[in-house]
């Protein structure tokens, strides 16, 4: 549960409107989280931005990123809890950076004629 508290702290620090859920299960070690953004466009931008970087240890950690409306969903699986904690912690740092960048430079929505 220490990982859940860490993930909740990191996700809470990025300034999103709410954290929908964090679940951590054992055997295999997994962590799922859902973060609500202000719009579906913002969630999609975050997902596309973070999907570019591959996992550093794909043989130990896998991740799935998706969007459901304005919710950004992430799922991690790892062979051991240490790898899971490291992957989730690093990813939350990147998520926070991406969210703060999007706040500083909001997406421009243009109408198509």
PDB file of N, CA and C in Angstrom:
ATOM      1  N   UNK A   1       0.796  -1.197   0.000  1.00  0.00           N
ATOM      2  CA  UNK A   1       0.000   0.000   0.000  1.00  0.00           C
ATOM      3  C   UNK A   1       0.842   1.266   0.000  1.00  0.00           C
ATOM      4  N   UNK A   2       2.129   1.141   0.326  1.00  0.00           N
ATOM      5  CA  UNK A   2       3.004   2.307   0.279  1.00  0.00           C
ATOM      6  C   UNK A   2       3.053   2.861  -1.135  1.00  0.00           C
ATOM      7  N   UNK A   3       3.009   1.995  -2.138  1.00  0.00           N
ATOM      8  CA  UNK A   3       3.025   2.433  -3.523  1.00  0.00           C
ATOM      9  C   UNK A   3       1.759   3.223  -3.842  1.00  0.00           C
ATOM     10  N   UNK A   4       0.619   2.811  -3.322  1.00  0.00           N
ATOM     11  CA  UNK A   4      -0.634   3.530  -3.559  1.00  0.00           C
ATOM     12  C   UNK A   4      -0.557   4.935  -2.977  1.00  0.00           C
ATOM     13  N   UNK A   5      -0.013   5.056  -1.780  1.00  0.00           N
ATOM     14  CA  UNK A   5       0.119   6.369  -1.155  1.00  0.00           C
ATOM     15  C   UNK A   5       1.064   7.249  -1.951  1.00  0.00           C
ATOM     16  N   UNK A   6       2.170   6.681  -2.409  1.00  0.00           N
ATOM     17  CA  UNK A   6       3.132   7.429  -3.214  1.00  0.00           C
ATOM     18  C   UNK A   6       2.491   7.881  -4.511  1.00  0.00           C
ATOM     19  N   UNK A   7       1.819   6.987  -5.195  1.00  0.00           N
ATOM     20  CA  UNK A   7       1.176   7.333  -6.460  1.00  0.00           C
ATOM     21  C   UNK A   7       0.111   8.398  -6.248  1.00  0.00           C
ATOM     22  N   UNK A   8      -0.659   8.286  -5.183  1.00  0.00           N
ATOM     23  CA  UNK A   8      -1.703   9.260  -4.894  1.00  0.00           C
ATOM     24  C   UNK A   8      -1.095  10.633  -4.630  1.00  0.00           C
ATOM     25  N   UNK A   9       0.013  10.676  -3.871  1.00  0.00           N
ATOM     26  CA  UNK A   9       0.695  11.938  -3.595  1.00  0.00           C
ATOM     27  C   UNK A   9       1.194  12.572  -4.880  1.00  0.00           C
ATOM     28  N   UNK A  10       1.872  11.785  -5.716  1.00  0.00           N
ATOM     29  CA  UNK A  10       2.432  12.313  -6.953  1.00  0.00           C
ATOM     30  C   UNK A  10       1.329  12.796  -7.892  1.00  0.00           C
ATOM     31  N   UNK A  11       0.274  12.009  -8.049  1.00  0.00           N
ATOM     32  CA  UNK A  11      -0.808  12.409  -8.941  1.00  0.00           C
ATOM     33  C   UNK A  11      -1.542  13.616  -8.398  1.00  0.00           C
ATOM     34  N   UNK A  12      -1.694  13.705  -7.075  1.00  0.00           N
ATOM     35  CA  UNK A  12      -2.362  14.847  -6.486  1.00  0.00           C
ATOM     36  C   UNK A  12      -1.575  16.129  -6.661  1.00  0.00           C
ATOM     37  N   UNK A  13      -0.268  16.011  -6.779  1.00  0.00           N
ATOM     38  CA  UNK A  13       0.592  17.185  -6.888  1.00  0.00           C
ATOM     39  C   UNK A  13       0.563  17.805  -8.280  1.00  0.00           C
ATOM     40  N   UNK A  14      -0.018  17.135  -9.282  1.00  0.00           N
ATOM     41  CA  UNK A  14       0.041  17.678 -10.642  1.00  0.00           C
ATOM     42  C   UNK A  14      -1.065  18.657 -10.948  1.00  0.00           C
ATOM     43  N   UNK A  15      -2.015  18.811 -10.028  1.00  0.00           N
ATOM     44  CA  UNK A  15      -3.029  19.841 -10.224  1.00  0.00           C
ATOM     45  C   UNK A  15      -4.179  19.419 -11.113  1.00  0.00           C
ATOM     46  N   UNK A  16      -4.431  18.144 -11.285  1.00  0.00           N
ATOM     47  CA  UNK A  16      -5.595  17.724 -12.049  1.00  0.00           C
ATOM     48  C   UNK A  16      -6.826  17.905 -11.182  1.00  0.00           C
ATOM     49  N   UNK A  17      -7.992  17.853 -11.811  1.00  0.00           N
ATOM     50  CA  UNK A  17      -9.212  18.102 -11.055  1.00  0.00           C
ATOM     51  C   UNK A  17      -9.518  16.992 -10.066  1.00  0.00           C
ATOM     52  N   UNK A  18      -9.196  15.746 -10.382  1.00  0.00           N
ATOM     53  CA  UNK A  18      -9.431  14.686  -9.411  1.00  0.00           C
ATOM     54  C   UNK A  18      -8.738  13.409  -9.830  1.00  0.00           C
ATOM     55  N   UNK A  19      -8.437  12.597  -8.851  1.00  0.00           N
ATOM     56  CA  UNK A  19      -7.922  11.258  -9.095  1.00  0.00           C
ATOM     57  C   UNK A  19      -9.101  10.321  -8.895  1.00  0.00           C
ATOM     58  N   UNK A  20      -9.465   9.592  -9.928  1.00  0.00           N
ATOM     59  CA  UNK A  20     -10.639   8.748  -9.858  1.00  0.00           C
ATOM     60  C   UNK A  20     -10.397   7.503  -9.022  1.00  0.00           C
ATOM     61  N   UNK A  21      -9.264   6.823  -9.284  1.00  0.00           N
ATOM     62  CA  UNK A  21      -9.024   5.598  -8.519  1.00  0.00           C
ATOM     63  C   UNK A  21      -7.574   5.171  -8.663  1.00  0.00           C
ATOM     64  N   UNK A  22      -7.098   4.485  -7.659  1.00  0.00           N
ATOM     65  CA  UNK A  22      -5.793   3.844  -7.698  1.00  0.00           C
ATOM     66  C   UNK A  22      -5.999   2.458  -7.119  1.00  0.00           C
ATOM     67  N   UNK A  23      -5.578   1.451  -7.873  1.00  0.00           N
ATOM     68  CA  UNK A  23      -5.713   0.075  -7.410  1.00  0.00           C
ATOM     69  C   UNK A  23      -4.365  -0.608  -7.527  1.00  0.00           C
ATOM     70  N   UNK A  24      -3.979  -1.329  -6.506  1.00  0.00           N
ATOM     71  CA  UNK A  24      -2.754  -2.110  -6.548  1.00  0.00           C
ATOM     72  C   UNK A  24      -3.105  -3.529  -6.155  1.00  0.00           C
ATOM     73  N   UNK A  25      -2.713  -4.464  -7.000  1.00  0.00           N
ATOM     74  CA  UNK A  25      -2.996  -5.869  -6.753  1.00  0.00           C
ATOM     75  C   UNK A  25      -1.677  -6.621  -6.680  1.00  0.00           C
ATOM     76  N   UNK A  26      -1.709  -7.815  -6.134  1.00  0.00           N
ATOM     77  CA  UNK A  26      -0.515  -8.647  -6.045  1.00  0.00           C
ATOM     78  C   UNK A  26      -0.631  -9.817  -7.008  1.00  0.00           C
ATOM     79  N   UNK A  27       0.510 -10.330  -7.387  1.00  0.00           N
ATOM     80  CA  UNK A  27       0.640 -11.558  -8.189  1.00  0.00           C
ATOM     81  C   UNK A  27      -0.158 -11.568  -9.459  1.00  0.00           C
ATOM     82  N   UNK A  28       0.243 -11.053 -10.551  1.00  0.00           N
ATOM     83  CA  UNK A  28       1.453 -10.251 -10.722  1.00  0.00           C
ATOM     84  C   UNK A  28       1.246  -8.861 -10.109  1.00  0.00           C
ATOM     85  N   UNK A  29       2.319  -8.175  -9.889  1.00  0.00           N
ATOM     86  CA  UNK A  29       2.245  -6.857  -9.274  1.00  0.00           C
ATOM     87  C   UNK A  29       1.715  -5.863 -10.304  1.00  0.00           C
ATOM     88  N   UNK A  30       0.596  -5.216  -9.987  1.00  0.00           N
ATOM     89  CA  UNK A  30      -0.015  -4.272 -10.919  1.00  0.00           C
ATOM     90  C   UNK A  30      -0.423  -3.003 -10.186  1.00  0.00           C
ATOM     91  N   UNK A  31      -0.538  -1.940 -10.958  1.00  0.00           N
ATOM     92  CA  UNK A  31      -1.027  -0.666 -10.440  1.00  0.00           C
ATOM     93  C   UNK A  31      -1.832  -0.015 -11.557  1.00  0.00           C
ATOM     94  N   UNK A  32      -3.043   0.397 -11.241  1.00  0.00           N
ATOM     95  CA  UNK A  32      -3.896   1.092 -12.198  1.00  0.00           C
ATOM     96  C   UNK A  32      -4.311   2.420 -11.592  1.00  0.00           C
ATOM     97  N   UNK A  33      -4.335   3.447 -12.411  1.00  0.00           N
ATOM     98  CA  UNK A  33      -4.777   4.761 -11.934  1.00  0.00           C
ATOM     99  C   UNK A  33      -5.513   5.470 -13.052  1.00  0.00           C
ATOM    100  N   UNK A  34      -6.426   6.323 -12.644  1.00  0.00           N
ATOM    101  CA  UNK A  34      -7.225   7.098 -13.583  1.00  0.00           C
ATOM    102  C   UNK A  34      -7.185   8.546 -13.125  1.00  0.00           C
ATOM    103  N   UNK A  35      -6.822   9.452 -14.031  1.00  0.00           N
ATOM    104  CA  UNK A  35      -6.721  10.871 -13.701  1.00  0.00           C
ATOM    105  C   UNK A  35      -7.670  11.640 -14.605  1.00  0.00           C
ATOM    106  N   UNK A  36      -8.509  12.469 -14.002  1.00  0.00           N
ATOM    107  CA  UNK A  36      -9.467  13.255 -14.772  1.00  0.00           C
ATOM    108  C   UNK A  36      -8.864  14.610 -15.118  1.00  0.00           C
ATOM    109  N   UNK A  37      -8.944  14.960 -16.396  1.00  0.00           N
ATOM    110  CA  UNK A  37      -8.483  16.263 -16.871  1.00  0.00           C
ATOM    111  C   UNK A  37      -9.694  17.117 -17.212  1.00  0.00           C
ATOM    112  N   UNK A  38      -9.469  18.355 -17.554  1.00  0.00           N
ATOM    113  CA  UNK A  38     -10.557  19.283 -17.848  1.00  0.00           C
ATOM    114  C   UNK A  38     -11.325  18.972 -19.111  1.00  0.00           C
ATOM    115  N   UNK A  39     -10.693  18.266 -20.041  1.00  0.00           N
ATOM    116  CA  UNK A  39     -11.368  17.943 -21.301  1.00  0.00           C
ATOM    117  C   UNK A  39     -10.780  16.665 -21.886  1.00  0.00           C
ATOM    118  N   UNK A  40     -11.517  16.105 -22.839  1.00  0.00           N
ATOM    119  CA  UNK A  40     -11.034  14.913 -23.538  1.00  0.00           C
ATOM    120  C   UNK A  40      -9.775  15.254 -24.342  1.00  0.00           C
ATOM    121  N   UNK A  41      -9.708  16.456 -24.886  1.00  0.00           N
ATOM    122  CA  UNK A  41      -8.529  16.872 -25.643  1.00  0.00           C
ATOM    123  C   UNK A  41      -7.288  16.881 -24.762  1.00  0.00           C
ATOM    124  N   UNK A  42      -7.400  17.405 -23.563  1.00  0.00           N
ATOM    125  CA  UNK A  42      -6.254  17.426 -22.656  1.00  0.00           C
ATOM    126  C   UNK A  42      -5.806  16.013 -22.297  1.00  0.00           C
ATOM    127  N   UNK A  43      -6.752  15.129 -22.012  1.00  0.00           N
ATOM    128  CA  UNK A  43      -6.408  13.741 -21.680  1.00  0.00           C
ATOM    129  C   UNK A  43      -5.712  13.063 -22.856  1.00  0.00           C
ATOM    130  N   UNK A  44      -6.188  13.317 -24.068  1.00  0.00           N
ATOM    131  CA  UNK A  44      -5.595  12.712 -25.270  1.00  0.00           C
ATOM    132  C   UNK A  44      -4.181  13.251 -25.498  1.00  0.00           C
ATOM    133  N   UNK A  45      -3.983  14.539 -25.291  1.00  0.00           N
ATOM    134  CA  UNK A  45      -2.645  15.136 -25.456  1.00  0.00           C
ATOM    135  C   UNK A  45      -1.674  14.512 -24.457  1.00  0.00           C
ATOM    136  N   UNK A  46      -2.086  14.383 -23.203  1.00  0.00           N
ATOM    137  CA  UNK A  46      -1.233  13.761 -22.179  1.00  0.00           C
ATOM    138  C   UNK A  46      -0.896  12.325 -22.578  1.00  0.00           C
ATOM    139  N   UNK A  47      -1.898  11.569 -22.999  1.00  0.00           N
ATOM    140  CA  UNK A  47      -1.678  10.172 -23.381  1.00  0.00           C
ATOM    141  C   UNK A  47      -0.701  10.073 -24.549  1.00  0.00           C
ATOM    142  N   UNK A  48      -0.908  10.864 -25.587  1.00  0.00           N
ATOM    143  CA  UNK A  48      -0.026  10.831 -26.760  1.00  0.00           C
ATOM    144  C   UNK A  48       1.393  11.271 -26.417  1.00  0.00           C
ATOM    145  N   UNK A  49       1.500  12.239 -25.536  1.00  0.00           N
ATOM    146  CA  UNK A  49       2.814  12.740 -25.135  1.00  0.00           C
ATOM    147  C   UNK A  49       3.599  11.675 -24.372  1.00  0.00           C
ATOM    148  N   UNK A  50       2.944  11.013 -23.423  1.00  0.00           N
ATOM    149  CA  UNK A  50       3.640  10.048 -22.573  1.00  0.00           C
ATOM    150  C   UNK A  50       3.810   8.677 -23.230  1.00  0.00           C
ATOM    151  N   UNK A  51       3.030   8.392 -24.256  1.00  0.00           N
ATOM    152  CA  UNK A  51       3.134   7.092 -24.936  1.00  0.00           C
ATOM    153  C   UNK A  51       4.402   6.977 -25.777  1.00  0.00           C
ATOM    154  N   UNK A  52       5.024   8.094 -26.084  1.00  0.00           N
ATOM    155  CA  UNK A  52       6.209   8.094 -26.943  1.00  0.00           C
ATOM    156  C   UNK A  52       7.396   7.377 -26.297  1.00  0.00           C
ATOM    157  N   UNK A  53       7.588   7.582 -24.998  1.00  0.00           N
ATOM    158  CA  UNK A  53       8.739   7.006 -24.307  1.00  0.00           C
ATOM    159  C   UNK A  53       8.473   5.552 -23.935  1.00  0.00           C
ATOM    160  N   UNK A  54       9.335   4.635 -24.401  1.00  0.00           N
ATOM    161  CA  UNK A  54       9.157   3.226 -24.034  1.00  0.00           C
ATOM    162  C   UNK A  54       9.600   2.973 -22.593  1.00  0.00           C
ATOM    163  N   UNK A  55       9.123   1.886 -22.022  1.00  0.00           N
ATOM    164  CA  UNK A  55       9.566   1.480 -20.683  1.00  0.00           C
ATOM    165  C   UNK A  55      11.058   1.169 -20.749  1.00  0.00           C
ATOM    166  N   UNK A  56      11.781   1.525 -19.701  1.00  0.00           N
ATOM    167  CA  UNK A  56      13.223   1.282 -19.677  1.00  0.00           C
ATOM    168  C   UNK A  56      13.556  -0.199 -19.514  1.00  0.00           C
ATOM    169  N   UNK A  57      12.699  -0.942 -18.835  1.00  0.00           N
ATOM    170  CA  UNK A  57      12.913  -2.374 -18.609  1.00  0.00           C
ATOM    171  C   UNK A  57      11.671  -3.153 -19.043  1.00  0.00           C
ATOM    172  N   UNK A  58      11.454  -3.270 -20.360  1.00  0.00           N
ATOM    173  CA  UNK A  58      10.228  -3.919 -20.835  1.00  0.00           C
ATOM    174  C   UNK A  58      10.108  -5.389 -20.431  1.00  0.00           C
ATOM    175  N   UNK A  59      11.214  -6.032 -20.107  1.00  0.00           N
ATOM    176  CA  UNK A  59      11.147  -7.426 -19.657  1.00  0.00           C
ATOM    177  C   UNK A  59      10.634  -7.523 -18.222  1.00  0.00           C
ATOM    178  N   UNK A  60      10.674  -6.410 -17.474  1.00  0.00           N
ATOM    179  CA  UNK A  60      10.220  -6.403 -16.086  1.00  0.00           C
ATOM    180  C   UNK A  60       8.931  -5.621 -15.877  1.00  0.00           C
ATOM    181  N   UNK A  61       8.701  -4.591 -16.686  1.00  0.00           N
ATOM    182  CA  UNK A  61       7.549  -3.714 -16.494  1.00  0.00           C
ATOM    183  C   UNK A  61       6.844  -3.492 -17.828  1.00  0.00           C
ATOM    184  N   UNK A  62       5.526  -3.607 -17.810  1.00  0.00           N
ATOM    185  CA  UNK A  62       4.722  -3.237 -18.979  1.00  0.00           C
ATOM    186  C   UNK A  62       3.722  -2.176 -18.532  1.00  0.00           C
ATOM    187  N   UNK A  63       3.338  -1.333 -19.479  1.00  0.00           N
ATOM    188  CA  UNK A  63       2.342  -0.312 -19.160  1.00  0.00           C
ATOM    189  C   UNK A  63       1.369  -0.174 -20.323  1.00  0.00           C
ATOM    190  N   UNK A  64       0.150   0.165 -19.976  1.00  0.00           N
ATOM    191  CA  UNK A  64      -0.902   0.430 -20.946  1.00  0.00           C
ATOM    192  C   UNK A  64      -1.467   1.804 -20.635  1.00  0.00           C
ATOM    193  N   UNK A  65      -1.552   2.643 -21.662  1.00  0.00           N
ATOM    194  CA  UNK A  65      -2.102   3.990 -21.503  1.00  0.00           C
ATOM    195  C   UNK A  65      -3.328   4.112 -22.386  1.00  0.00           C
ATOM    196  N   UNK A  66      -4.373   4.727 -21.865  1.00  0.00           N
ATOM    197  CA  UNK A  66      -5.581   4.913 -22.666  1.00  0.00           C
ATOM    198  C   UNK A  66      -6.337   6.143 -22.175  1.00  0.00           C
ATOM    199  N   UNK A  67      -7.349   6.522 -22.957  1.00  0.00           N
ATOM    200  CA  UNK A  67      -8.191   7.669 -22.626  1.00  0.00           C
ATOM    201  C   UNK A  67      -9.646   7.223 -22.711  1.00  0.00           C
ATOM    202  N   UNK A  68     -10.433   7.650 -21.732  1.00  0.00           N
ATOM    203  CA  UNK A  68     -11.871   7.412 -21.732  1.00  0.00           C
ATOM    204  C   UNK A  68     -12.532   8.753 -21.419  1.00  0.00           C
ATOM    205  N   UNK A  69     -12.963   9.437 -22.453  1.00  0.00           N
ATOM    206  CA  UNK A  69     -13.509  10.784 -22.275  1.00  0.00           C
ATOM    207  C   UNK A  69     -12.410  11.717 -21.802  1.00  0.00           C
ATOM    208  N   UNK A  70     -12.615  12.371 -20.664  1.00  0.00           N
ATOM    209  CA  UNK A  70     -11.590  13.267 -20.133  1.00  0.00           C
ATOM    210  C   UNK A  70     -10.694  12.571 -19.114  1.00  0.00           C
ATOM    211  N   UNK A  71     -10.800  11.251 -19.027  1.00  0.00           N
ATOM    212  CA  UNK A  71      -9.994  10.467 -18.081  1.00  0.00           C
ATOM    213  C   UNK A  71      -8.802   9.828 -18.778  1.00  0.00           C
ATOM    214  N   UNK A  72      -7.643  10.037 -18.194  1.00  0.00           N
ATOM    215  CA  UNK A  72      -6.409   9.385 -18.646  1.00  0.00           C
ATOM    216  C   UNK A  72      -6.217   8.159 -17.760  1.00  0.00           C
ATOM    217  N   UNK A  73      -6.058   6.996 -18.369  1.00  0.00           N
ATOM    218  CA  UNK A  73      -5.962   5.738 -17.629  1.00  0.00           C
ATOM    219  C   UNK A  73      -4.591   5.120 -17.866  1.00  0.00           C
ATOM    220  N   UNK A  74      -3.949   4.699 -16.776  1.00  0.00           N
ATOM    221  CA  UNK A  74      -2.651   4.034 -16.883  1.00  0.00           C
ATOM    222  C   UNK A  74      -2.683   2.741 -16.087  1.00  0.00           C
ATOM    223  N   UNK A  75      -2.079   1.710 -16.670  1.00  0.00           N
ATOM    224  CA  UNK A  75      -2.010   0.403 -16.016  1.00  0.00           C
ATOM    225  C   UNK A  75      -0.584  -0.107 -16.137  1.00  0.00           C
ATOM    226  N   UNK A  76      -0.015  -0.493 -15.011  1.00  0.00           N
ATOM    227  CA  UNK A  76       1.339  -1.023 -14.964  1.00  0.00           C
ATOM    228  C   UNK A  76       1.306  -2.450 -14.436  1.00  0.00           C
ATOM    229  N   UNK A  77       2.171  -3.302 -14.970  1.00  0.00           N
ATOM    230  CA  UNK A  77       2.400  -4.651 -14.446  1.00  0.00           C
ATOM    231  C   UNK A  77       3.898  -4.833 -14.326  1.00  0.00           C
ATOM    232  N   UNK A  78       4.325  -5.514 -13.276  1.00  0.00           N
ATOM    233  CA  UNK A  78       5.760  -5.721 -13.072  1.00  0.00           C
ATOM    234  C   UNK A  78       6.005  -7.098 -12.473  1.00  0.00           C
ATOM    235  N   UNK A  79       7.221  -7.558 -12.653  1.00  0.00           N
ATOM    236  CA  UNK A  79       7.605  -8.860 -12.125  1.00  0.00           C
ATOM    237  C   UNK A  79       7.884  -8.799 -10.629  1.00  0.00           C
ATOM    238  N   UNK A  80       8.204  -7.603 -10.116  1.00  0.00           N
ATOM    239  CA  UNK A  80       8.454  -7.447  -8.681  1.00  0.00           C
ATOM    240  C   UNK A  80       8.011  -6.057  -8.245  1.00  0.00           C
ATOM    241  N   UNK A  81       7.760  -5.917  -6.964  1.00  0.00           N
ATOM    242  CA  UNK A  81       7.207  -4.673  -6.432  1.00  0.00           C
ATOM    243  C   UNK A  81       8.203  -3.508  -6.543  1.00  0.00           C
ATOM    244  N   UNK A  82       9.485  -3.782  -6.452  1.00  0.00           N
ATOM    245  CA  UNK A  82      10.489  -2.719  -6.566  1.00  0.00           C
ATOM    246  C   UNK A  82      10.454  -2.089  -7.964  1.00  0.00           C
ATOM    247  N   UNK A  83      10.369  -2.930  -8.977  1.00  0.00           N
ATOM    248  CA  UNK A  83      10.286  -2.422 -10.353  1.00  0.00           C
ATOM    249  C   UNK A  83       8.998  -1.649 -10.578  1.00  0.00           C
ATOM    250  N   UNK A  84       7.901  -2.132  -9.990  1.00  0.00           N
ATOM    251  CA  UNK A  84       6.619  -1.447 -10.125  1.00  0.00           C
ATOM    252  C   UNK A  84       6.693  -0.062  -9.489  1.00  0.00           C
ATOM    253  N   UNK A  85       7.229   0.013  -8.286  1.00  0.00           N
ATOM    254  CA  UNK A  85       7.349   1.295  -7.584  1.00  0.00           C
ATOM    255  C   UNK A  85       8.199   2.277  -8.385  1.00  0.00           C
ATOM    256  N   UNK A  86       9.315   1.811  -8.913  1.00  0.00           N
ATOM    257  CA  UNK A  86      10.195   2.692  -9.684  1.00  0.00           C
ATOM    258  C   UNK A  86       9.507   3.181 -10.961  1.00  0.00           C
ATOM    259  N   UNK A  87       8.828   2.284 -11.655  1.00  0.00           N
ATOM    260  CA  UNK A  87       8.162   2.653 -12.906  1.00  0.00           C
ATOM    261  C   UNK A  87       7.023   3.640 -12.658  1.00  0.00           C
ATOM    262  N   UNK A  88       6.199   3.371 -11.654  1.00  0.00           N
ATOM    263  CA  UNK A  88       5.061   4.248 -11.360  1.00  0.00           C
ATOM    264  C   UNK A  88       5.557   5.609 -10.870  1.00  0.00           C
ATOM    265  N   UNK A  89       6.557   5.614 -10.006  1.00  0.00           N
ATOM    266  CA  UNK A  89       7.091   6.878  -9.497  1.00  0.00           C
ATOM    267  C   UNK A  89       7.669   7.747 -10.601  1.00  0.00           C
ATOM    268  N   UNK A  90       8.466   7.152 -11.471  1.00  0.00           N
ATOM    269  CA  UNK A  90       9.061   7.892 -12.585  1.00  0.00           C
ATOM    270  C   UNK A  90       7.981   8.400 -13.531  1.00  0.00           C
ATOM    271  N   UNK A  91       7.003   7.536 -13.820  1.00  0.00           N
ATOM    272  CA  UNK A  91       5.930   7.925 -14.728  1.00  0.00           C
ATOM    273  C   UNK A  91       5.110   9.076 -14.142  1.00  0.00           C
ATOM    274  N   UNK A  92       4.850   9.049 -12.858  1.00  0.00           N
ATOM    275  CA  UNK A  92       4.097  10.133 -12.216  1.00  0.00           C
ATOM    276  C   UNK A  92       4.854  11.449 -12.281  1.00  0.00           C
ATOM    277  N   UNK A  93       6.176  11.392 -12.183  1.00  0.00           N
ATOM    278  CA  UNK A  93       6.984  12.601 -12.362  1.00  0.00           C
ATOM    279  C   UNK A  93       6.786  13.162 -13.768  1.00  0.00           C
ATOM    280  N   UNK A  94       6.836  12.295 -14.775  1.00  0.00           N
ATOM    281  CA  UNK A  94       6.648  12.723 -16.165  1.00  0.00           C
ATOM    282  C   UNK A  94       5.230  13.228 -16.402  1.00  0.00           C
ATOM    283  N   UNK A  95       4.251  12.563 -15.804  1.00  0.00           N
ATOM    284  CA  UNK A  95       2.858  12.994 -15.918  1.00  0.00           C
ATOM    285  C   UNK A  95       2.682  14.388 -15.319  1.00  0.00           C
ATOM    286  N   UNK A  96       3.286  14.621 -14.174  1.00  0.00           N
ATOM    287  CA  UNK A  96       3.217  15.940 -13.547  1.00  0.00           C
ATOM    288  C   UNK A  96       3.840  17.018 -14.416  1.00  0.00           C
ATOM    289  N   UNK A  97       4.986  16.712 -15.008  1.00  0.00           N
ATOM    290  CA  UNK A  97       5.655  17.664 -15.896  1.00  0.00           C
ATOM    291  C   UNK A  97       4.777  17.972 -17.109  1.00  0.00           C
ATOM    292  N   UNK A  98       4.209  16.942 -17.714  1.00  0.00           N
ATOM    293  CA  UNK A  98       3.348  17.147 -18.884  1.00  0.00           C
ATOM    294  C   UNK A  98       2.112  17.971 -18.522  1.00  0.00           C
ATOM    295  N   UNK A  99       1.506  17.690 -17.375  1.00  0.00           N
ATOM    296  CA  UNK A  99       0.312  18.428 -16.956  1.00  0.00           C
ATOM    297  C   UNK A  99       0.640  19.892 -16.663  1.00  0.00           C
ATOM    298  N   UNK A 100       1.770  20.146 -15.996  1.00  0.00           N
ATOM    299  CA  UNK A 100       2.162  21.537 -15.718  1.00  0.00           C
ATOM    300  C   UNK A 100       2.486  22.279 -17.010  1.00  0.00           C
ATOM    301  N   UNK A 101       3.104  21.605 -17.963  1.00  0.00           N
ATOM    302  CA  UNK A 101       3.410  22.228 -19.255  1.00  0.00           C
ATOM    303  C   UNK A 101       2.120  22.582 -19.988  1.00  0.00           C
ATOM    304  N   UNK A 102       1.142  21.679 -19.942  1.00  0.00           N
ATOM    305  CA  UNK A 102      -0.125  21.943 -20.618  1.00  0.00           C
ATOM    306  C   UNK A 102      -0.870  23.103 -19.932  1.00  0.00           C
ATOM    307  N   UNK A 103      -0.730  23.228 -18.615  1.00  0.00           N
ATOM    308  CA  UNK A 103      -1.342  24.365 -17.920  1.00  0.00           C
ATOM    309  C   UNK A 103      -0.692  25.678 -18.356  1.00  0.00           C
ATOM    310  N   UNK A 104       0.628  25.651 -18.535  1.00  0.00           N
ATOM    311  CA  UNK A 104       1.355  26.863 -18.932  1.00  0.00           C
ATOM    312  C   UNK A 104       1.087  27.234 -20.386  1.00  0.00           C
ATOM    313  N   UNK A 105       0.875  26.213 -21.235  1.00  0.00           N
ATOM    314  CA  UNK A 105       0.641  26.414 -22.662  1.00  0.00           C
ATOM    315  C   UNK A 105      -0.608  25.636 -23.064  1.00  0.00           C
ATOM    316  N   UNK A 106      -1.788  26.164 -22.759  1.00  0.00           N
ATOM    317  CA  UNK A 106      -3.029  25.424 -23.025  1.00  0.00           C
ATOM    318  C   UNK A 106      -3.194  25.129 -24.516  1.00  0.00           C
ATOM    319  N   UNK A 107      -3.821  23.982 -24.826  1.00  0.00           N
ATOM    320  CA  UNK A 107      -4.055  23.644 -26.235  1.00  0.00           C
ATOM    321  C   UNK A 107      -5.000  24.658 -26.874  1.00  0.00           C
ATOM    322  N   UNK A 108      -4.697  25.017 -28.086  1.00  0.00           N
ATOM    323  CA  UNK A 108      -5.535  25.957 -28.828  1.00  0.00           C
ATOM    324  C   UNK A 108      -6.545  25.165 -29.648  1.00  0.00           C
ATOM    325  N   UNK A 109      -7.809  25.441 -29.449  1.00  0.00           N
ATOM    326  CA  UNK A 109      -8.869  24.772 -30.197  1.00  0.00           C
ATOM    327  C   UNK A 109      -9.311  25.718 -31.299  1.00  0.00           C
ATOM    328  N   UNK A 110      -9.208  25.241 -32.535  1.00  0.00           N
ATOM    329  CA  UNK A 110      -9.613  26.061 -33.674  1.00  0.00           C
ATOM    330  C   UNK A 110     -10.789  25.395 -34.373  1.00  0.00           C
ATOM    331  N   UNK A 111     -11.698  26.218 -34.849  1.00  0.00           N
ATOM    332  CA  UNK A 111     -12.859  25.700 -35.576  1.00  0.00           C
ATOM    333  C   UNK A 111     -12.477  25.437 -37.018  1.00  0.00           C
ATOM    334  N   UNK A 112     -12.943  24.331 -37.540  1.00  0.00           N
ATOM    335  CA  UNK A 112     -12.696  23.982 -38.942  1.00  0.00           C
ATOM    336  C   UNK A 112     -13.911  24.403 -39.745  1.00  0.00           C
ATOM    337  N   UNK A 113     -13.660  25.186 -40.784  1.00  0.00           N
ATOM    338  CA  UNK A 113     -14.780  25.692 -41.589  1.00  0.00           C
ATOM    339  C   UNK A 113     -15.259  24.678 -42.588  1.00  0.00           C
TER     340      UNK A 113
END
